[in-house]
Amino acid sequence: MRQDDLVSATGLARADVETVLDRAAEIAADPRSWRERHAGALLALCFFEPSTRTRMSFDAAMKRLGGDTVDMGPVESSSVKKGESLADTVQVIEGYADALVLRHPKEGAARMAAGYVDVPLINAGDGAGQHPSQTLLDLYTMREATGLDGVTVGMLGDLKYGRTVHSLAEALTEFDAEMHFVSPESLRLPESVRYDIEAAGGEVREHETLGAGAAGPRRAVRHAHPARAVPGRVRVPRGCR
């Protein structure tokens, strides 16, 4: 796997996150100056699951930065329908593009695929695993609204299968954020995610009702699944959605 792949939030250092968020803020401040930054570059969209927002976000972002996209299209009309493996598919597609975006229904698919290609690969969601590109957007929005240090973050809903929550929680261990996880017992965080959070120095605080969560002077962000809701309205730079 290349160092410039983005397949998981696990291991994302604070400095790495802040570099991306600072660049996003630069684009937001002067989007016109970035219009030709990636002129001539091609981004391949490989979506093995239905998607509207994520697919169009990558498509629009690449084009607003001066590049273009090539789309694998629906699985039903691709060689996958004839039995082509994921490894074979991404190896063929990397010949057409400078980077790949992959969404796949199987957890771990992005990490496996990254091992078969020599161009950067971005995980746009792999089953109930990770969604690190969504996490970077969440962190940007949270930073603009409340900051990322000295906050209490509540994550509510389906925490077992919610890949956006898994990635966000792991990334927040790099910041001074107190995390609370609110869900029915049957939908609590998977043990693997809990382990990664605690191994990074974070604490898992679990509750079955919202009222049992945190209170205190720290600013609160309530983060629902799918990961959308934060206080206030923040303009996200169009090249970074």
C-alpha atoms as a PDB file:
ATOM      1  CA  MET A   1       0.000   0.000   0.000  1.00  0.00           C
ATOM      2  CA  ARG A   2       1.303   3.465  -0.927  1.00  0.00           C
ATOM      3  CA  GLN A   3       1.823   6.231   1.619  1.00  0.00           C
ATOM      4  CA  ASP A   4      -0.569   8.452  -0.337  1.00  0.00           C
ATOM      5  CA  ASP A   5      -3.440   5.948  -0.209  1.00  0.00           C
ATOM      6  CA  LEU A   6      -6.368   6.843   2.037  1.00  0.00           C
ATOM      7  CA  VAL A   7      -8.014   3.584   3.052  1.00  0.00           C
ATOM      8  CA  SER A   8      -8.613   4.054   6.783  1.00  0.00           C
ATOM      9  CA  ALA A   9      -8.709   6.744   9.462  1.00  0.00           C
ATOM     10  CA  THR A  10      -6.591   4.497  11.663  1.00  0.00           C
ATOM     11  CA  GLY A  11      -3.105   5.929  11.811  1.00  0.00           C
ATOM     12  CA  LEU A  12      -4.027   9.357  10.442  1.00  0.00           C
ATOM     13  CA  ALA A  13      -1.778  11.697  12.395  1.00  0.00           C
ATOM     14  CA  ARG A  14      -3.044  15.035  13.615  1.00  0.00           C
ATOM     15  CA  ALA A  15      -0.505  16.808  11.399  1.00  0.00           C
ATOM     16  CA  ASP A  16      -1.816  14.947   8.336  1.00  0.00           C
ATOM     17  CA  VAL A  17      -5.400  15.889   9.116  1.00  0.00           C
ATOM     18  CA  GLU A  18      -4.546  19.520   9.751  1.00  0.00           C
ATOM     19  CA  THR A  19      -2.613  19.737   6.474  1.00  0.00           C
ATOM     20  CA  VAL A  20      -5.693  18.568   4.555  1.00  0.00           C
ATOM     21  CA  LEU A  21      -8.064  20.840   6.479  1.00  0.00           C
ATOM     22  CA  ASP A  22      -5.793  23.853   6.027  1.00  0.00           C
ATOM     23  CA  ARG A  23      -5.687  23.197   2.288  1.00  0.00           C
ATOM     24  CA  ALA A  24      -9.484  22.917   2.217  1.00  0.00           C
ATOM     25  CA  ALA A  25      -9.723  26.286   3.937  1.00  0.00           C
ATOM     26  CA  GLU A  26      -7.383  27.796   1.329  1.00  0.00           C
ATOM     27  CA  ILE A  27      -9.625  26.494  -1.455  1.00  0.00           C
ATOM     28  CA  ALA A  28     -12.724  27.849   0.292  1.00  0.00           C
ATOM     29  CA  ALA A  29     -11.125  31.286   0.598  1.00  0.00           C
ATOM     30  CA  ASP A  30     -10.209  31.551  -3.096  1.00  0.00           C
ATOM     31  CA  PRO A  31     -11.713  28.733  -5.201  1.00  0.00           C
ATOM     32  CA  ARG A  32     -10.968  30.447  -8.525  1.00  0.00           C
ATOM     33  CA  SER A  33      -7.221  30.202  -7.985  1.00  0.00           C
ATOM     34  CA  TRP A  34      -7.481  26.401  -7.771  1.00  0.00           C
ATOM     35  CA  ARG A  35      -9.414  25.814 -10.984  1.00  0.00           C
ATOM     36  CA  GLU A  36      -6.465  24.484 -12.974  1.00  0.00           C
ATOM     37  CA  ARG A  37      -4.439  22.980 -10.141  1.00  0.00           C
ATOM     38  CA  HIS A  38      -4.958  19.419 -11.446  1.00  0.00           C
ATOM     39  CA  ALA A  39      -5.381  20.127 -15.150  1.00  0.00           C
ATOM     40  CA  GLY A  40      -4.892  16.971 -17.176  1.00  0.00           C
ATOM     41  CA  ALA A  41      -5.312  14.606 -14.224  1.00  0.00           C
ATOM     42  CA  LEU A  42      -7.857  11.782 -14.368  1.00  0.00           C
ATOM     43  CA  LEU A  43      -9.639  10.304 -11.361  1.00  0.00           C
ATOM     44  CA  ALA A  44     -11.290   6.888 -11.745  1.00  0.00           C
ATOM     45  CA  LEU A  45     -14.608   6.358  -9.947  1.00  0.00           C
ATOM     46  CA  CYS A  46     -15.085   2.693  -9.046  1.00  0.00           C
ATOM     47  CA  PHE A  47     -18.399   2.345  -7.238  1.00  0.00           C
ATOM     48  CA  PHE A  48     -19.574  -1.175  -6.523  1.00  0.00           C
ATOM     49  CA  GLU A  49     -22.499   0.196  -4.461  1.00  0.00           C
ATOM     50  CA  PRO A  50     -25.129   2.803  -5.305  1.00  0.00           C
ATOM     51  CA  SER A  51     -24.095   6.341  -4.429  1.00  0.00           C
ATOM     52  CA  THR A  52     -25.294   9.844  -5.159  1.00  0.00           C
ATOM     53  CA  ARG A  53     -23.550  12.317  -2.851  1.00  0.00           C
ATOM     54  CA  THR A  54     -20.153  10.637  -2.591  1.00  0.00           C
ATOM     55  CA  ARG A  55     -19.850   9.829  -6.291  1.00  0.00           C
ATOM     56  CA  MET A  56     -20.943  13.288  -7.407  1.00  0.00           C
ATOM     57  CA  SER A  57     -18.787  14.975  -4.765  1.00  0.00           C
ATOM     58  CA  PHE A  58     -15.621  13.346  -6.083  1.00  0.00           C
ATOM     59  CA  ASP A  59     -16.674  14.009  -9.671  1.00  0.00           C
ATOM     60  CA  ALA A  60     -17.417  17.678  -9.023  1.00  0.00           C
ATOM     61  CA  ALA A  61     -14.305  18.234  -6.904  1.00  0.00           C
ATOM     62  CA  MET A  62     -11.968  16.814  -9.524  1.00  0.00           C
ATOM     63  CA  LYS A  63     -13.529  18.889 -12.287  1.00  0.00           C
ATOM     64  CA  ARG A  64     -13.469  22.067 -10.210  1.00  0.00           C
ATOM     65  CA  LEU A  65      -9.745  21.515  -9.717  1.00  0.00           C
ATOM     66  CA  GLY A  66      -9.210  21.325 -13.482  1.00  0.00           C
ATOM     67  CA  GLY A  67      -9.077  17.550 -13.843  1.00  0.00           C
ATOM     68  CA  ASP A  68     -11.596  15.045 -15.130  1.00  0.00           C
ATOM     69  CA  THR A  69     -13.058  11.661 -14.165  1.00  0.00           C
ATOM     70  CA  VAL A  70     -13.591   8.281 -15.762  1.00  0.00           C
ATOM     71  CA  ASP A  71     -16.456   6.270 -14.330  1.00  0.00           C
ATOM     72  CA  MET A  72     -16.609   2.476 -14.165  1.00  0.00           C
ATOM     73  CA  GLY A  73     -20.386   2.744 -14.353  1.00  0.00           C
ATOM     74  CA  PRO A  74     -22.908   0.366 -12.795  1.00  0.00           C
ATOM     75  CA  VAL A  75     -21.609  -3.035 -11.711  1.00  0.00           C
ATOM     76  CA  GLU A  76     -24.346  -4.658 -13.795  1.00  0.00           C
ATOM     77  CA  SER A  77     -22.840  -3.322 -17.024  1.00  0.00           C
ATOM     78  CA  SER A  78     -19.179  -3.937 -16.148  1.00  0.00           C
ATOM     79  CA  SER A  79     -16.903  -6.962 -16.428  1.00  0.00           C
ATOM     80  CA  VAL A  80     -17.613  -7.647 -12.749  1.00  0.00           C
ATOM     81  CA  LYS A  81     -20.901  -9.113 -13.951  1.00  0.00           C
ATOM     82  CA  LYS A  82     -18.895 -11.673 -15.927  1.00  0.00           C
ATOM     83  CA  GLY A  83     -16.957 -12.732 -12.836  1.00  0.00           C
ATOM     84  CA  GLU A  84     -13.951 -10.396 -12.940  1.00  0.00           C
ATOM     85  CA  SER A  85     -12.291 -10.091  -9.517  1.00  0.00           C
ATOM     86  CA  LEU A  86     -11.810  -6.804  -7.682  1.00  0.00           C
ATOM     87  CA  ALA A  87      -8.037  -7.152  -8.040  1.00  0.00           C
ATOM     88  CA  ASP A  88      -8.324  -7.562 -11.810  1.00  0.00           C
ATOM     89  CA  THR A  89     -10.768  -4.678 -12.099  1.00  0.00           C
ATOM     90  CA  VAL A  90      -8.624  -2.122 -10.268  1.00  0.00           C
ATOM     91  CA  GLN A  91      -5.472  -3.255 -12.082  1.00  0.00           C
ATOM     92  CA  VAL A  92      -7.140  -2.592 -15.417  1.00  0.00           C
ATOM     93  CA  ILE A  93      -8.661   0.735 -14.362  1.00  0.00           C
ATOM     94  CA  GLU A  94      -5.409   2.111 -12.926  1.00  0.00           C
ATOM     95  CA  GLY A  95      -4.112   2.133 -16.493  1.00  0.00           C
ATOM     96  CA  TYR A  96      -6.703   4.761 -17.370  1.00  0.00           C
ATOM     97  CA  ALA A  97      -6.300   7.147 -14.422  1.00  0.00           C
ATOM     98  CA  ASP A  98      -3.919   8.891 -12.046  1.00  0.00           C
ATOM     99  CA  ALA A  99      -5.849   7.893  -8.904  1.00  0.00           C
ATOM    100  CA  LEU A 100      -8.795   5.671  -7.936  1.00  0.00           C
ATOM    101  CA  VAL A 101     -11.804   6.196  -5.694  1.00  0.00           C
ATOM    102  CA  LEU A 102     -13.325   2.915  -4.531  1.00  0.00           C
ATOM    103  CA  ARG A 103     -16.620   2.129  -2.835  1.00  0.00           C
ATOM    104  CA  HIS A 104     -17.312  -1.513  -2.150  1.00  0.00           C
ATOM    105  CA  PRO A 105     -19.836  -3.494  -0.068  1.00  0.00           C
ATOM    106  CA  LYS A 106     -17.174  -5.705   1.530  1.00  0.00           C
ATOM    107  CA  GLU A 107     -15.263  -4.525   4.586  1.00  0.00           C
ATOM    108  CA  GLY A 108     -11.539  -4.441   3.893  1.00  0.00           C
ATOM    109  CA  ALA A 109     -11.943  -4.244   0.113  1.00  0.00           C
ATOM    110  CA  ALA A 110     -10.164  -0.901  -0.183  1.00  0.00           C
ATOM    111  CA  ARG A 111      -7.093  -2.069   1.697  1.00  0.00           C
ATOM    112  CA  MET A 112      -6.930  -5.217  -0.415  1.00  0.00           C
ATOM    113  CA  ALA A 113      -7.369  -3.302  -3.672  1.00  0.00           C
ATOM    114  CA  ALA A 114      -4.670  -0.790  -2.718  1.00  0.00           C
ATOM    115  CA  GLY A 115      -2.192  -3.639  -2.641  1.00  0.00           C
ATOM    116  CA  TYR A 116      -2.782  -4.344  -6.341  1.00  0.00           C
ATOM    117  CA  VAL A 117      -2.355  -0.865  -7.814  1.00  0.00           C
ATOM    118  CA  ASP A 118       0.487   1.618  -8.178  1.00  0.00           C
ATOM    119  CA  VAL A 119      -1.632   4.784  -8.131  1.00  0.00           C
ATOM    120  CA  PRO A 120      -3.191   6.420  -5.052  1.00  0.00           C
ATOM    121  CA  LEU A 121      -6.458   4.833  -3.891  1.00  0.00           C
ATOM    122  CA  ILE A 122      -9.108   6.571  -1.799  1.00  0.00           C
ATOM    123  CA  ASN A 123     -11.619   4.553   0.185  1.00  0.00           C
ATOM    124  CA  ALA A 124     -15.092   6.023  -0.334  1.00  0.00           C
ATOM    125  CA  GLY A 125     -16.660   3.435   1.983  1.00  0.00           C
ATOM    126  CA  ASP A 126     -16.104  -0.291   2.386  1.00  0.00           C
ATOM    127  CA  GLY A 127     -19.041  -2.153   3.851  1.00  0.00           C
ATOM    128  CA  ALA A 128     -19.267  -1.652   7.615  1.00  0.00           C
ATOM    129  CA  GLY A 129     -15.572  -0.787   7.759  1.00  0.00           C
ATOM    130  CA  GLN A 130     -14.305   2.721   7.105  1.00  0.00           C
ATOM    131  CA  HIS A 131     -15.149   5.933   5.266  1.00  0.00           C
ATOM    132  CA  PRO A 132     -12.084   8.159   5.764  1.00  0.00           C
ATOM    133  CA  SER A 133     -12.910  10.686   3.048  1.00  0.00           C
ATOM    134  CA  GLN A 134     -16.221  11.417   4.794  1.00  0.00           C
ATOM    135  CA  THR A 135     -14.310  11.780   8.057  1.00  0.00           C
ATOM    136  CA  LEU A 136     -12.091  14.514   6.628  1.00  0.00           C
ATOM    137  CA  LEU A 137     -15.211  16.398   5.555  1.00  0.00           C
ATOM    138  CA  ASP A 138     -16.753  15.913   9.008  1.00  0.00           C
ATOM    139  CA  LEU A 139     -13.591  17.193  10.697  1.00  0.00           C
ATOM    140  CA  TYR A 140     -13.478  20.231   8.427  1.00  0.00           C
ATOM    141  CA  THR A 141     -17.099  21.073   9.186  1.00  0.00           C
ATOM    142  CA  MET A 142     -16.594  20.555  12.919  1.00  0.00           C
ATOM    143  CA  ARG A 143     -13.451  22.678  12.935  1.00  0.00           C
ATOM    144  CA  GLU A 144     -15.259  25.536  11.233  1.00  0.00           C
ATOM    145  CA  ALA A 145     -18.224  25.280  13.612  1.00  0.00           C
ATOM    146  CA  THR A 146     -16.671  24.523  16.998  1.00  0.00           C
ATOM    147  CA  GLY A 147     -12.999  23.657  16.702  1.00  0.00           C
ATOM    148  CA  LEU A 148     -11.628  20.156  17.258  1.00  0.00           C
ATOM    149  CA  ASP A 149     -10.122  20.579  20.707  1.00  0.00           C
ATOM    150  CA  GLY A 150     -12.067  20.999  23.930  1.00  0.00           C
ATOM    151  CA  VAL A 151     -15.265  19.560  22.463  1.00  0.00           C
ATOM    152  CA  THR A 152     -17.615  16.804  23.523  1.00  0.00           C
ATOM    153  CA  VAL A 153     -18.785  14.731  20.592  1.00  0.00           C
ATOM    154  CA  GLY A 154     -21.852  12.518  20.781  1.00  0.00           C
ATOM    155  CA  MET A 155     -22.263   9.843  18.110  1.00  0.00           C
ATOM    156  CA  LEU A 156     -25.760   8.425  17.908  1.00  0.00           C
ATOM    157  CA  GLY A 157     -27.489   5.600  16.099  1.00  0.00           C
ATOM    158  CA  ASP A 158     -26.124   2.587  14.286  1.00  0.00           C
ATOM    159  CA  LEU A 159     -22.572   2.466  15.619  1.00  0.00           C
ATOM    160  CA  LYS A 160     -22.037  -1.200  14.770  1.00  0.00           C
ATOM    161  CA  TYR A 161     -22.340  -0.919  11.007  1.00  0.00           C
ATOM    162  CA  GLY A 162     -21.819   2.850  10.638  1.00  0.00           C
ATOM    163  CA  ARG A 163     -18.533   3.186   8.782  1.00  0.00           C
ATOM    164  CA  THR A 164     -18.643   6.984   9.029  1.00  0.00           C
ATOM    165  CA  VAL A 165     -18.704   6.713  12.826  1.00  0.00           C
ATOM    166  CA  HIS A 166     -15.845   4.203  12.889  1.00  0.00           C
ATOM    167  CA  SER A 167     -13.576   6.499  10.897  1.00  0.00           C
ATOM    168  CA  LEU A 168     -14.549   9.684  12.717  1.00  0.00           C
ATOM    169  CA  ALA A 169     -14.062   8.185  16.176  1.00  0.00           C
ATOM    170  CA  GLU A 170     -10.618   6.894  15.301  1.00  0.00           C
ATOM    171  CA  ALA A 171      -9.566  10.236  13.800  1.00  0.00           C
ATOM    172  CA  LEU A 172     -10.796  12.183  16.837  1.00  0.00           C
ATOM    173  CA  THR A 173      -8.348  10.338  19.088  1.00  0.00           C
ATOM    174  CA  GLU A 174      -5.744  12.740  17.654  1.00  0.00           C
ATOM    175  CA  PHE A 175      -7.589  15.717  19.179  1.00  0.00           C
ATOM    176  CA  ASP A 176      -8.770  16.823  22.615  1.00  0.00           C
ATOM    177  CA  ALA A 177     -12.283  15.515  22.052  1.00  0.00           C
ATOM    178  CA  GLU A 178     -14.377  13.675  24.611  1.00  0.00           C
ATOM    179  CA  MET A 179     -16.441  11.065  22.768  1.00  0.00           C
ATOM    180  CA  HIS A 180     -19.762   9.558  23.839  1.00  0.00           C
ATOM    181  CA  PHE A 181     -21.436   6.743  21.920  1.00  0.00           C
ATOM    182  CA  VAL A 182     -25.220   6.466  22.163  1.00  0.00           C
ATOM    183  CA  SER A 183     -26.975   3.400  20.771  1.00  0.00           C
ATOM    184  CA  PRO A 184     -28.984   0.325  21.703  1.00  0.00           C
ATOM    185  CA  GLU A 185     -26.787  -2.450  23.040  1.00  0.00           C
ATOM    186  CA  SER A 186     -27.240  -4.432  19.812  1.00  0.00           C
ATOM    187  CA  LEU A 187     -25.758  -1.581  17.750  1.00  0.00           C
ATOM    188  CA  ARG A 188     -22.730  -0.675  19.844  1.00  0.00           C
ATOM    189  CA  LEU A 189     -19.266  -0.154  18.405  1.00  0.00           C
ATOM    190  CA  PRO A 190     -17.550  -3.296  17.121  1.00  0.00           C
ATOM    191  CA  GLU A 191     -14.763  -4.635  19.302  1.00  0.00           C
ATOM    192  CA  SER A 192     -12.191  -3.937  16.588  1.00  0.00           C
ATOM    193  CA  VAL A 193     -13.096  -0.241  16.488  1.00  0.00           C
ATOM    194  CA  ARG A 194     -13.181  -0.042  20.279  1.00  0.00           C
ATOM    195  CA  TYR A 195      -9.699  -1.588  20.368  1.00  0.00           C
ATOM    196  CA  ASP A 196      -8.319   0.942  17.853  1.00  0.00           C
ATOM    197  CA  ILE A 197      -9.772   3.879  19.807  1.00  0.00           C
ATOM    198  CA  GLU A 198      -8.370   2.692  23.115  1.00  0.00           C
ATOM    199  CA  ALA A 199      -5.008   1.721  21.591  1.00  0.00           C
ATOM    200  CA  ALA A 200      -4.706   5.312  20.343  1.00  0.00           C
ATOM    201  CA  GLY A 201      -5.342   6.647  23.846  1.00  0.00           C
ATOM    202  CA  GLY A 202      -9.041   7.392  23.469  1.00  0.00           C
ATOM    203  CA  GLU A 203     -11.843   6.456  25.846  1.00  0.00           C
ATOM    204  CA  VAL A 204     -15.086   4.758  24.815  1.00  0.00           C
ATOM    205  CA  ARG A 205     -18.036   6.127  26.808  1.00  0.00           C
ATOM    206  CA  GLU A 206     -21.225   4.237  25.970  1.00  0.00           C
ATOM    207  CA  HIS A 207     -24.842   5.149  26.708  1.00  0.00           C
ATOM    208  CA  GLU A 208     -28.220   3.782  25.673  1.00  0.00           C
ATOM    209  CA  THR A 209     -30.016   7.126  25.893  1.00  0.00           C
ATOM    210  CA  LEU A 210     -28.951  10.633  24.963  1.00  0.00           C
ATOM    211  CA  GLY A 211     -29.813  11.989  28.402  1.00  0.00           C
ATOM    212  CA  ALA A 212     -27.224   9.729  29.997  1.00  0.00           C
ATOM    213  CA  GLY A 213     -24.419  11.374  28.059  1.00  0.00           C
ATOM    214  CA  ALA A 214     -21.935  14.079  28.874  1.00  0.00           C
ATOM    215  CA  ALA A 215     -22.622  17.454  30.411  1.00  0.00           C
ATOM    216  CA  GLY A 216     -20.223  20.187  31.320  1.00  0.00           C
ATOM    217  CA  PRO A 217     -18.415  23.251  30.058  1.00  0.00           C
ATOM    218  CA  ARG A 218     -16.933  21.645  26.944  1.00  0.00           C
ATOM    219  CA  ARG A 219     -18.691  22.578  23.720  1.00  0.00           C
ATOM    220  CA  ALA A 220     -20.868  19.789  22.388  1.00  0.00           C
ATOM    221  CA  VAL A 221     -21.241  18.432  18.899  1.00  0.00           C
ATOM    222  CA  ARG A 222     -23.925  15.802  18.382  1.00  0.00           C
ATOM    223  CA  HIS A 223     -22.947  13.667  15.478  1.00  0.00           C
ATOM    224  CA  ALA A 224     -25.697  11.503  14.045  1.00  0.00           C
ATOM    225  CA  HIS A 225     -25.302   8.569  11.664  1.00  0.00           C
ATOM    226  CA  PRO A 226     -25.171   9.067   8.776  1.00  0.00           C
ATOM    227  CA  ALA A 227     -22.605  11.675   9.780  1.00  0.00           C
ATOM    228  CA  ARG A 228     -24.284  14.929   8.856  1.00  0.00           C
ATOM    229  CA  ALA A 229     -25.410  17.047  11.819  1.00  0.00           C
ATOM    230  CA  VAL A 230     -23.298  19.744  13.451  1.00  0.00           C
ATOM    231  CA  PRO A 231     -24.261  23.108  14.991  1.00  0.00           C
ATOM    232  CA  GLY A 232     -24.600  25.992  12.590  1.00  0.00           C
ATOM    233  CA  ARG A 233     -24.299  26.110   8.852  1.00  0.00           C
ATOM    234  CA  VAL A 234     -20.796  25.807   7.469  1.00  0.00           C
ATOM    235  CA  ARG A 235     -19.886  26.348   3.852  1.00  0.00           C
ATOM    236  CA  VAL A 236     -17.780  23.428   2.644  1.00  0.00           C
ATOM    237  CA  PRO A 237     -15.330  24.297  -0.164  1.00  0.00           C
ATOM    238  CA  ARG A 238     -16.605  22.878  -3.430  1.00  0.00           C
ATOM    239  CA  GLY A 239     -13.304  21.261  -4.250  1.00  0.00           C
ATOM    240  CA  CYS A 240     -13.320  19.270  -1.008  1.00  0.00           C
ATOM    241  CA  ARG A 241     -16.733  17.633  -0.703  1.00  0.00           C
END
